[in-house]
Protein backbone atom coordinates (compact mmCIF):
# COMPACT_ATOMS: atom_id res chain seq x y z
CA UNK A 1 31.24 -105.24 -147.17
CA UNK A 2 30.97 -108.88 -146.82
CA UNK A 3 33.04 -110.75 -144.18
CA UNK A 4 34.42 -114.39 -144.33
CA UNK A 5 33.72 -116.73 -141.70
CA UNK A 6 36.61 -116.95 -139.29
CA UNK A 7 37.69 -113.48 -140.09
CA UNK A 8 39.17 -111.57 -137.16
CA UNK A 9 37.39 -108.07 -136.87
CA UNK A 10 37.84 -105.22 -134.62
CA UNK A 11 34.78 -102.93 -133.97
CA UNK A 12 32.71 -101.25 -131.44
CA UNK A 13 29.27 -100.92 -132.73
CA UNK A 14 26.93 -103.35 -134.56
CA UNK A 15 23.97 -102.31 -136.89
CA UNK A 16 22.10 -105.32 -138.60
CA UNK A 17 18.99 -104.11 -140.43
CA UNK A 18 17.84 -107.74 -140.84
CA UNK A 19 19.16 -111.36 -140.85
CA UNK A 20 21.61 -113.18 -138.54
CA UNK A 21 25.05 -112.42 -137.32
CA UNK A 22 27.29 -114.78 -135.17
CA UNK A 23 30.28 -113.53 -133.31
CA UNK A 24 32.78 -115.72 -131.35
CA UNK A 25 34.74 -113.26 -129.17
CA UNK A 26 38.33 -114.05 -128.11
CA UNK A 27 37.22 -115.21 -124.63
CA UNK A 28 35.19 -117.95 -126.42
CA UNK A 29 31.69 -115.93 -125.88
CA UNK A 30 29.37 -116.75 -128.84
CA UNK A 31 26.61 -114.06 -129.68
CA UNK A 32 24.12 -114.72 -131.99
CA UNK A 33 22.05 -111.63 -133.18
CA UNK A 34 18.85 -111.90 -135.14
CA UNK A 35 16.62 -109.33 -136.79
CA UNK A 36 17.12 -105.51 -136.75
CA UNK A 37 19.60 -104.96 -133.92
CA UNK A 38 21.61 -102.05 -132.77
CA UNK A 39 24.42 -102.85 -130.12
CA UNK A 40 27.89 -101.49 -128.80
CA UNK A 41 30.53 -103.18 -126.96
CA UNK A 42 32.07 -101.33 -124.09
CA UNK A 43 34.55 -104.04 -123.60
CA UNK A 44 34.88 -107.83 -124.59
CA UNK A 45 32.81 -108.42 -121.41
CA UNK A 46 30.22 -105.66 -121.58
CA UNK A 47 27.71 -105.13 -124.53
CA UNK A 48 24.95 -102.48 -124.65
CA UNK A 49 21.78 -103.67 -126.50
CA UNK A 50 19.71 -100.68 -127.82
CA UNK A 51 17.35 -102.98 -129.89
CA UNK A 52 17.13 -106.38 -131.06
CA UNK A 53 17.67 -110.06 -130.11
CA UNK A 54 20.65 -111.64 -128.91
CA UNK A 55 21.43 -115.32 -127.79
CA UNK A 56 24.78 -115.68 -125.82
CA UNK A 57 26.51 -118.81 -125.13
CA UNK A 58 28.99 -117.82 -122.49
CA UNK A 59 31.80 -120.65 -121.31
CA UNK A 60 33.71 -120.49 -118.21
CA UNK A 61 36.21 -117.97 -119.53
CA UNK A 62 33.39 -115.40 -120.14
CA UNK A 63 31.72 -115.79 -116.78
CA UNK A 64 30.57 -112.46 -115.99
CA UNK A 65 29.64 -111.18 -119.25
CA UNK A 66 27.23 -108.43 -118.96
CA UNK A 67 24.47 -107.32 -121.13
CA UNK A 68 22.81 -103.61 -120.55
CA UNK A 69 19.51 -102.38 -122.03
CA UNK A 70 17.55 -99.34 -121.55
CA UNK A 71 15.73 -101.13 -118.86
CA UNK A 72 18.01 -103.58 -117.34
CA UNK A 73 21.68 -105.02 -116.58
CA UNK A 74 22.12 -108.87 -117.14
CA UNK A 75 25.10 -110.44 -115.72
CA UNK A 76 26.19 -114.11 -116.99
CA UNK A 77 26.90 -116.60 -114.24
CA UNK A 78 28.22 -119.27 -116.94
CA UNK A 79 25.34 -120.12 -118.99
CA UNK A 80 23.40 -119.83 -122.47
CA UNK A 81 20.83 -116.97 -122.26
CA UNK A 82 18.83 -114.69 -124.73
CA UNK A 83 17.69 -110.95 -124.50
CA UNK A 84 15.27 -109.27 -126.47
CA UNK A 85 14.84 -105.51 -126.24
CA UNK A 86 12.18 -103.62 -128.03
CA UNK A 87 11.60 -99.80 -129.10
CA UNK A 88 8.70 -99.91 -126.65
CA UNK A 89 10.95 -100.17 -123.84
CA UNK A 90 10.50 -103.96 -122.39
CA UNK A 91 13.40 -106.36 -122.17
CA UNK A 92 12.79 -110.11 -122.16
CA UNK A 93 15.53 -112.16 -120.63
CA UNK A 94 15.38 -116.06 -121.03
CA UNK A 95 17.89 -118.73 -119.46
CA UNK A 96 18.40 -121.74 -121.62
CA UNK A 97 21.21 -123.24 -119.64
CA UNK A 98 22.92 -122.30 -116.18
CA UNK A 99 21.92 -119.00 -114.51
CA UNK A 100 22.28 -115.12 -114.70
CA UNK A 101 21.12 -112.23 -112.41
CA UNK A 102 19.23 -109.47 -113.53
CA UNK A 103 18.18 -105.94 -112.11
CA UNK A 104 16.39 -103.15 -113.37
CA UNK A 105 18.11 -99.96 -114.18
CA UNK A 106 15.08 -97.45 -113.99
CA UNK A 107 15.04 -96.44 -110.55
CA UNK A 108 17.20 -93.87 -108.77
CA UNK A 109 18.91 -96.55 -107.00
CA UNK A 110 19.54 -99.72 -108.80
CA UNK A 111 17.01 -102.41 -107.82
CA UNK A 112 17.99 -105.70 -106.17
CA UNK A 113 19.47 -108.49 -108.20
CA UNK A 114 16.89 -111.24 -109.44
CA UNK A 115 18.32 -114.60 -110.05
CA UNK A 116 17.27 -116.65 -112.95
CA UNK A 117 18.01 -120.17 -113.69
CA UNK A 118 17.63 -122.86 -116.46
CA UNK A 119 14.21 -122.59 -118.10
CA UNK A 120 13.00 -119.09 -116.34
CA UNK A 121 12.02 -116.08 -118.67
CA UNK A 122 11.43 -112.69 -117.39
CA UNK A 123 10.13 -109.36 -118.70
CA UNK A 124 11.47 -106.00 -117.44
CA UNK A 125 9.06 -103.03 -118.34
CA UNK A 126 8.96 -99.76 -116.53
CA UNK A 127 10.52 -101.04 -113.35
CA UNK A 128 8.39 -103.96 -113.04
CA UNK A 129 8.97 -107.77 -113.35
CA UNK A 130 6.95 -110.29 -115.14
CA UNK A 131 7.49 -113.87 -115.36
CA UNK A 132 7.08 -115.47 -118.88
CA UNK A 133 5.33 -118.72 -118.70
CA UNK A 134 6.14 -119.63 -122.28
CA UNK A 135 9.07 -119.28 -124.75
CA UNK A 136 9.26 -120.65 -128.22
CA UNK A 137 12.52 -122.22 -129.37
CA UNK A 138 13.27 -122.95 -132.87
CA UNK A 139 14.76 -126.18 -134.05
CA UNK A 140 18.16 -124.98 -134.28
CA UNK A 141 18.04 -123.39 -130.98
CA UNK A 142 19.30 -120.13 -131.74
CA UNK A 143 15.88 -118.51 -132.56
CA UNK A 144 13.53 -117.91 -129.99
CA UNK A 145 10.53 -115.65 -129.00
CA UNK A 146 8.61 -114.92 -126.03
CA UNK A 147 5.02 -115.89 -126.20
CA UNK A 148 2.41 -113.06 -125.15
CA UNK A 149 -0.39 -114.77 -123.05
CA UNK A 150 -3.90 -113.21 -123.10
CA UNK A 151 -5.18 -112.62 -119.59
CA UNK A 152 -8.71 -114.17 -120.86
CA UNK A 153 -7.08 -117.51 -121.54
CA UNK A 154 -7.55 -120.05 -118.78
CA UNK A 155 -5.46 -122.74 -120.69
CA UNK A 156 -3.50 -122.05 -123.64
CA UNK A 157 -1.89 -125.34 -124.32
CA UNK A 158 -1.34 -128.75 -122.68
CA UNK A 159 1.44 -131.14 -123.39
CA UNK A 160 2.95 -134.48 -121.90
CA UNK A 161 6.55 -134.80 -121.16
CA UNK A 162 6.41 -138.58 -121.33
CA UNK A 163 6.88 -140.17 -124.50
CA UNK A 164 4.49 -143.13 -125.51
CA UNK A 165 7.60 -145.70 -125.37
CA UNK A 166 8.16 -144.58 -121.45
CA UNK A 167 4.54 -144.70 -120.99
CA UNK A 168 4.40 -148.20 -121.73
CA UNK A 169 7.44 -149.56 -119.84
């Protein structure tokens, strides 16, 4: 069934075979799903992401929005962040702006919260945390992916953050 932009929907589950889906919740949280995705809303403030990729833009009214995966719990502290869960059991969390707190759910007791802020990225897999050093962000800034680093690489890429015009001033 096709939906019209701006149409109000009521549902609990999302099953997306491919493509992209953008939702704006009543509390102004914007959610962008991409690729094969399965998710379930527990409430307007809690989403369980079984599989797939999500980018959330959470404003002041949505502060505290929580994303659950099989591995982790991610709580927004007023930000723009991404979560990618794979069927292999890992969860990637990327913070584009602001901050989130993250913890593993794979222990008898839930683990301590880890804080992530702008530019931080983390992979959670089997109770272990791995900082991600690189994330690719597409031009439209809705699509992103974590970059796997080969352990044999010494230097993968080098760039300069100063433009040529700034260099000569």
